N, C-alpha and C. Protein backbone atom coordinates (compact mmCIF):
# COMPACT_ATOMS: atom_id res chain seq x y z
N MET A 1 299.06 188.05 -109.09
CA MET A 1 299.92 188.29 -108.11
C MET A 1 299.89 189.91 -107.55
N TYR A 2 300.23 189.88 -106.36
CA TYR A 2 299.77 190.88 -105.33
C TYR A 2 300.78 191.49 -104.85
N LYS A 3 300.89 192.86 -105.29
CA LYS A 3 301.96 193.82 -104.62
C LYS A 3 301.61 194.91 -103.76
N ASP A 4 302.28 195.25 -102.91
CA ASP A 4 301.87 195.90 -101.64
C ASP A 4 302.18 197.21 -101.98
N SER A 5 301.75 197.93 -102.59
CA SER A 5 301.99 199.13 -102.77
C SER A 5 301.40 200.42 -102.39
N PHE A 6 300.45 199.94 -101.29
CA PHE A 6 299.69 201.25 -100.72
C PHE A 6 300.14 201.94 -99.73
N LEU A 7 300.90 201.68 -99.28
CA LEU A 7 302.18 202.19 -97.83
C LEU A 7 303.21 202.98 -98.57
N VAL A 8 303.65 204.36 -98.41
CA VAL A 8 304.82 205.05 -98.73
C VAL A 8 306.10 204.04 -98.46
N PRO A 9 307.34 203.99 -99.32
CA PRO A 9 308.07 203.52 -98.87
C PRO A 9 308.94 204.05 -98.27
N THR A 10 309.45 203.58 -96.99
CA THR A 10 310.27 204.45 -95.70
C THR A 10 311.51 203.69 -95.96
N ALA A 11 312.89 204.41 -95.36
CA ALA A 11 313.83 203.70 -95.17
C ALA A 11 313.59 202.24 -94.25
N THR A 12 312.88 202.36 -93.67
CA THR A 12 312.63 200.70 -93.08
C THR A 12 311.17 199.95 -93.65
N TYR A 13 310.86 200.41 -94.62
CA TYR A 13 309.60 199.60 -95.42
C TYR A 13 309.66 199.88 -96.54
N THR A 14 309.99 198.70 -97.73
CA THR A 14 310.01 198.64 -99.27
C THR A 14 308.79 197.72 -99.08
N PRO A 15 307.73 198.23 -100.44
CA PRO A 15 306.89 197.62 -100.73
C PRO A 15 307.59 196.34 -101.22
N ILE A 16 307.08 195.04 -101.13
CA ILE A 16 307.67 193.77 -101.90
C ILE A 16 306.26 192.96 -102.32
N THR A 17 306.88 191.95 -103.52
CA THR A 17 305.79 191.16 -103.94
C THR A 17 305.39 190.24 -102.83
N SER A 18 304.25 189.74 -102.46
CA SER A 18 303.83 188.65 -101.30
C SER A 18 303.36 187.22 -101.82
N TYR A 19 302.65 187.36 -103.17
CA TYR A 19 301.92 186.19 -103.06
C TYR A 19 301.88 186.06 -105.05
N MET A 20 301.85 184.56 -105.14
CA MET A 20 302.08 184.64 -106.53
C MET A 20 300.98 183.43 -106.74
N THR A 21 300.03 183.30 -107.86
CA THR A 21 299.00 182.56 -108.23
C THR A 21 299.15 182.43 -109.78
N SER A 22 299.38 181.00 -109.96
CA SER A 22 299.96 180.53 -110.95
C SER A 22 298.47 179.04 -111.45
N SER A 23 298.45 179.29 -112.76
CA SER A 23 297.39 177.85 -113.51
C SER A 23 297.92 177.89 -114.54
N ILE A 24 297.75 176.65 -115.05
CA ILE A 24 297.25 176.34 -116.53
C ILE A 24 296.59 175.31 -116.60
N ALA A 25 296.33 175.22 -117.71
CA ALA A 25 295.10 174.26 -118.70
C ALA A 25 295.92 173.71 -119.73
N TYR A 26 296.03 172.60 -120.07
CA TYR A 26 296.23 171.72 -121.52
C TYR A 26 294.81 170.88 -122.28
N LYS A 27 294.51 171.36 -122.86
CA LYS A 27 293.53 170.32 -123.58
C LYS A 27 294.43 169.44 -124.49
N TYR A 28 294.45 168.33 -124.55
CA TYR A 28 295.45 167.45 -125.24
C TYR A 28 294.62 166.89 -126.10
N ASP A 29 293.04 166.68 -126.49
CA ASP A 29 292.46 166.50 -127.50
C ASP A 29 290.96 166.52 -127.07
N LYS A 30 290.22 166.14 -128.22
CA LYS A 30 288.43 166.38 -128.24
C LYS A 30 288.15 165.69 -126.47
N HIS A 31 289.13 164.74 -126.21
CA HIS A 31 288.39 164.15 -124.99
C HIS A 31 289.07 164.26 -123.67
N TYR A 32 290.18 164.26 -123.76
CA TYR A 32 290.92 164.84 -122.63
C TYR A 32 291.34 166.24 -122.53
N SER A 33 291.34 166.65 -120.99
CA SER A 33 292.32 168.39 -120.93
C SER A 33 292.57 167.63 -119.80
N TYR A 34 293.50 168.71 -119.03
CA TYR A 34 294.37 168.86 -117.90
C TYR A 34 294.56 170.20 -117.12
N HIS A 35 294.78 170.16 -115.72
CA HIS A 35 294.57 171.86 -115.26
C HIS A 35 295.61 171.17 -114.02
N PHE A 36 296.04 172.49 -114.05
CA PHE A 36 297.10 172.64 -112.42
C PHE A 36 297.35 173.98 -112.13
N ARG A 37 296.91 174.46 -110.43
CA ARG A 37 297.12 175.68 -110.44
C ARG A 37 298.12 175.91 -108.91
N LEU A 38 298.59 176.25 -108.62
CA LEU A 38 299.30 176.84 -107.49
C LEU A 38 299.33 178.22 -107.15
N ASP A 39 299.22 178.41 -105.37
CA ASP A 39 299.06 179.87 -104.99
C ASP A 39 300.14 179.54 -103.80
N TYR A 40 301.06 180.29 -103.90
CA TYR A 40 302.44 180.39 -103.17
C TYR A 40 302.15 181.95 -102.40
N ASP A 41 302.81 182.19 -101.14
CA ASP A 41 303.12 182.87 -100.36
C ASP A 41 304.60 183.40 -100.36
N LEU A 42 305.10 184.07 -101.04
CA LEU A 42 306.87 184.44 -100.94
C LEU A 42 306.83 185.18 -99.66
N GLU A 43 306.39 185.54 -99.12
CA GLU A 43 306.61 186.19 -97.92
C GLU A 43 307.08 185.50 -96.69
N ARG A 44 305.96 184.53 -96.55
CA ARG A 44 305.84 183.19 -95.57
C ARG A 44 307.19 182.12 -96.17
N SER A 45 307.34 182.37 -97.38
CA SER A 45 307.48 180.85 -98.19
C SER A 45 306.63 179.74 -97.65
N GLU A 46 305.81 179.36 -98.02
CA GLU A 46 304.84 178.16 -97.95
C GLU A 46 303.48 178.34 -98.88
N LYS A 47 303.52 176.96 -99.21
CA LYS A 47 302.14 176.60 -100.51
C LYS A 47 301.29 177.14 -99.65
N LYS A 48 300.19 177.80 -100.42
CA LYS A 48 298.99 178.09 -99.49
C LYS A 48 298.02 177.24 -100.35
N SER A 49 297.92 176.86 -101.33
CA SER A 49 297.20 175.79 -102.38
C SER A 49 297.41 175.32 -103.79
N PHE A 50 297.11 174.22 -103.82
CA PHE A 50 297.51 173.31 -104.82
C PHE A 50 296.72 172.31 -105.49
N GLU A 51 296.78 172.02 -107.21
CA GLU A 51 295.51 171.41 -107.48
C GLU A 51 295.92 170.62 -108.99
N VAL A 52 295.68 170.02 -109.27
CA VAL A 52 296.33 169.07 -110.17
C VAL A 52 295.05 168.29 -110.35
N GLY A 53 294.54 168.12 -111.87
CA GLY A 53 293.74 167.17 -112.15
C GLY A 53 293.25 166.90 -113.38
N PHE A 54 292.39 166.12 -114.06
CA PHE A 54 291.93 165.74 -115.21
C PHE A 54 290.65 165.27 -115.54
N LEU A 55 290.17 165.74 -116.92
CA LEU A 55 289.05 165.38 -117.17
C LEU A 55 288.66 164.99 -118.67
N TYR A 56 287.67 163.86 -118.53
CA TYR A 56 287.80 163.30 -119.41
C TYR A 56 286.51 163.37 -120.30
N LYS A 57 286.36 163.96 -121.58
CA LYS A 57 284.45 164.20 -122.22
C LYS A 57 284.33 163.34 -123.16
N LYS A 58 282.81 163.31 -123.15
CA LYS A 58 282.54 162.31 -124.03
C LYS A 58 281.03 162.66 -124.27
N ARG A 59 280.39 162.15 -125.34
CA ARG A 59 279.00 162.91 -125.91
C ARG A 59 278.22 163.16 -124.79
N CYS A 60 278.00 162.37 -124.04
CA CYS A 60 276.53 162.11 -123.26
C CYS A 60 276.99 162.32 -121.64
N TRP A 61 278.66 162.30 -121.34
CA TRP A 61 278.91 162.00 -120.03
C TRP A 61 280.23 162.57 -119.76
N ASP A 62 281.01 163.23 -118.71
CA ASP A 62 282.10 163.63 -118.58
C ASP A 62 282.62 163.12 -117.08
N PHE A 63 283.93 162.44 -116.83
CA PHE A 63 284.08 162.07 -115.91
C PHE A 63 285.86 162.87 -115.46
N GLY A 64 285.88 163.44 -114.36
CA GLY A 64 287.10 163.83 -114.21
C GLY A 64 287.27 163.60 -112.55
N LEU A 65 288.86 163.75 -112.09
CA LEU A 65 289.69 163.22 -111.43
C LEU A 65 290.48 164.80 -110.61
N THR A 66 290.52 165.35 -109.58
CA THR A 66 290.99 166.59 -109.00
C THR A 66 292.06 165.85 -107.96
N TYR A 67 292.98 166.40 -107.38
CA TYR A 67 293.78 166.39 -105.98
C TYR A 67 293.90 167.69 -105.72
N VAL A 68 293.22 167.86 -104.31
CA VAL A 68 293.50 169.36 -104.04
C VAL A 68 294.51 169.41 -102.41
N GLU A 69 294.75 170.46 -102.48
CA GLU A 69 295.68 171.09 -100.89
C GLU A 69 295.24 172.06 -101.08
N ASN A 70 294.85 172.55 -99.41
CA ASN A 70 294.64 174.08 -99.08
C ASN A 70 294.93 174.13 -97.69
N ASN A 71 295.89 175.26 -97.63
CA ASN A 71 296.45 175.59 -96.48
C ASN A 71 295.47 176.52 -95.82
N ARG A 72 295.02 176.26 -94.92
CA ARG A 72 294.01 177.26 -94.10
C ARG A 72 294.52 177.53 -92.91
N PRO A 73 294.59 179.22 -92.39
CA PRO A 73 295.05 179.53 -91.68
C PRO A 73 294.37 179.80 -90.02
N ILE A 74 294.56 179.26 -89.23
CA ILE A 74 293.66 179.48 -88.21
C ILE A 74 294.49 180.17 -86.85
N LEU A 75 293.87 180.89 -85.71
CA LEU A 75 294.20 180.80 -84.52
C LEU A 75 294.16 179.53 -83.49
N ASN A 76 295.21 179.48 -83.23
CA ASN A 76 295.82 178.53 -81.82
C ASN A 76 294.97 178.85 -80.80
N GLN A 77 295.12 178.23 -79.48
CA GLN A 77 294.84 178.61 -78.07
C GLN A 77 295.41 179.64 -77.52
N ASN A 78 296.46 180.08 -78.27
CA ASN A 78 297.60 181.21 -77.45
C ASN A 78 297.31 182.16 -78.55
N GLY A 79 296.38 182.01 -79.55
CA GLY A 79 296.19 183.61 -80.24
C GLY A 79 297.21 183.80 -81.09
N LEU A 80 298.07 182.83 -81.25
CA LEU A 80 299.32 182.73 -82.57
C LEU A 80 298.22 181.68 -83.93
N SER A 81 298.84 182.53 -84.96
CA SER A 81 298.49 182.24 -86.37
C SER A 81 299.28 180.86 -86.44
N ASP A 82 298.40 179.56 -86.97
CA ASP A 82 298.76 178.59 -87.03
C ASP A 82 298.02 178.31 -88.52
N SER A 83 298.24 176.93 -89.24
CA SER A 83 297.26 176.42 -89.92
C SER A 83 297.07 175.15 -90.20
N VAL A 84 296.03 175.03 -91.25
CA VAL A 84 296.13 173.18 -90.93
C VAL A 84 296.00 173.01 -92.68
N TYR A 85 296.30 172.28 -93.12
CA TYR A 85 296.61 171.34 -94.49
C TYR A 85 295.27 170.25 -95.06
N ASP A 86 294.68 170.91 -95.80
CA ASP A 86 293.47 170.31 -95.91
C ASP A 86 293.44 169.26 -97.40
N ARG A 87 293.51 168.16 -97.33
CA ARG A 87 293.75 167.39 -98.68
C ARG A 87 292.34 166.49 -99.36
N PHE A 88 291.99 166.91 -100.83
CA PHE A 88 291.11 166.48 -101.09
C PHE A 88 291.29 165.87 -102.47
N VAL A 89 290.24 164.87 -102.40
CA VAL A 89 289.99 164.17 -104.07
C VAL A 89 288.99 164.29 -104.26
N TYR A 90 288.57 165.10 -105.54
CA TYR A 90 287.30 165.30 -106.35
C TYR A 90 287.03 164.55 -107.42
N LEU A 91 285.67 163.72 -107.39
CA LEU A 91 285.46 162.52 -108.49
C LEU A 91 284.04 163.34 -108.94
N VAL A 92 284.59 163.94 -110.12
CA VAL A 92 283.24 164.88 -111.44
C VAL A 92 282.82 163.79 -112.06
N ILE A 93 281.46 163.49 -111.94
CA ILE A 93 280.95 163.13 -112.95
C ILE A 93 279.64 164.10 -113.22
N ARG A 94 279.73 164.06 -114.58
CA ARG A 94 278.79 164.76 -115.24
C ARG A 94 277.76 164.26 -116.48
N LEU A 95 276.49 163.97 -116.32
CA LEU A 95 275.89 163.14 -117.01
C LEU A 95 274.64 164.34 -117.82
N LYS A 96 275.46 164.71 -118.91
CA LYS A 96 274.82 165.94 -119.92
C LYS A 96 273.33 165.38 -120.25
N PRO A 97 272.54 164.28 -120.37
CA PRO A 97 271.18 164.44 -120.99
C PRO A 97 270.91 164.96 -119.70
N ILE A 98 270.97 164.86 -118.31
CA ILE A 98 270.02 165.08 -117.20
C ILE A 98 270.26 166.34 -116.70
N MET A 99 271.95 166.69 -116.54
CA MET A 99 272.14 167.84 -116.28
C MET A 99 272.14 169.13 -117.43
N LYS A 100 271.71 170.45 -116.99
CA LYS A 100 271.64 171.04 -118.06
C LYS A 100 272.91 171.85 -117.83
N ASP A 101 273.69 172.57 -119.00
CA ASP A 101 274.95 173.47 -119.13
C ASP A 101 274.55 175.00 -119.05
N GLN A 102 275.38 175.69 -118.56
CA GLN A 102 275.62 177.09 -118.41
C GLN A 102 274.85 177.69 -117.42
N GLY A 103 275.06 177.11 -116.05
CA GLY A 103 274.02 177.30 -115.16
C GLY A 103 272.52 177.17 -114.99
N ARG A 104 271.80 176.78 -116.09
CA ARG A 104 270.48 176.24 -115.92
C ARG A 104 270.49 174.98 -114.85
N LEU A 105 268.85 175.38 -114.27
CA LEU A 105 268.92 174.42 -113.29
C LEU A 105 268.45 173.10 -113.90
N SER A 106 268.51 172.10 -113.20
CA SER A 106 268.37 170.87 -113.67
C SER A 106 267.06 169.97 -112.26
N GLY A 107 266.69 168.95 -113.10
CA GLY A 107 265.83 168.55 -112.01
C GLY A 107 266.40 167.50 -110.62
N PHE A 108 267.57 168.16 -110.60
CA PHE A 108 268.63 167.64 -109.26
C PHE A 108 268.87 168.71 -108.71
N VAL A 109 268.31 170.01 -108.79
CA VAL A 109 268.85 171.06 -107.91
C VAL A 109 267.28 171.54 -107.68
N TYR A 110 267.15 172.04 -106.10
CA TYR A 110 266.02 172.69 -105.63
C TYR A 110 266.56 174.11 -105.24
N ARG A 111 266.17 175.20 -105.98
CA ARG A 111 266.18 176.45 -105.46
C ARG A 111 265.57 177.25 -104.43
N LEU A 112 265.74 177.71 -103.34
CA LEU A 112 265.24 178.42 -102.19
C LEU A 112 264.24 179.79 -103.07
N PRO A 113 262.96 179.98 -102.80
CA PRO A 113 262.57 181.27 -103.31
C PRO A 113 263.14 182.50 -102.86
N ASP A 114 263.44 183.54 -103.72
CA ASP A 114 263.97 184.55 -103.36
C ASP A 114 263.02 185.62 -103.22
N LYS A 115 262.74 186.20 -101.70
CA LYS A 115 262.03 186.47 -101.39
C LYS A 115 262.19 188.12 -101.86
N SER A 116 263.14 188.86 -102.21
CA SER A 116 263.31 189.96 -102.67
C SER A 116 262.46 190.25 -103.93
N GLU A 117 262.33 189.38 -104.78
CA GLU A 117 261.60 189.41 -105.87
C GLU A 117 260.58 189.68 -105.86
N THR A 118 259.33 190.17 -106.48
CA THR A 118 258.11 190.66 -106.57
C THR A 118 257.76 190.28 -107.94
N ASN A 119 256.30 189.49 -107.87
CA ASN A 119 255.84 189.13 -108.70
C ASN A 119 254.60 189.94 -109.39
C-alpha cells in the first residue's frame, strides 16, 4: 500500500492512501497450487492489474495456466492520459530434467557475454 506522506498537510491538501496491492497463494496439496493478485488505484477507482491462475506439479514436469489483465496508462493524441487494457493467458510448461532450477542456465538459454567482466 502506498501512502502519500511526503507533502505537508495543509487546509486544501491531506495525505491519502491511493494504491492497494494484494496477493494470495494457496497450496492445495503437493500437486496443485493457486494464486491471485489484484492492484487497485483507490484515488481513480480503477483496477490496475489482475491475475489468477494455477500450477500443477509432478516429479518431472509442471503445468500452469494464468489469466492476466493489465491497465497500461498512455497519452492520446490530445496529450490527455488514457489507458489500454491488455489481457493475456499464460501457459507454463516446465520440463525439469531439461531445465535447471534456481536461475542456473539450461541448454535452452544463450547468454550474451558481459563485457564489463574481466578474465
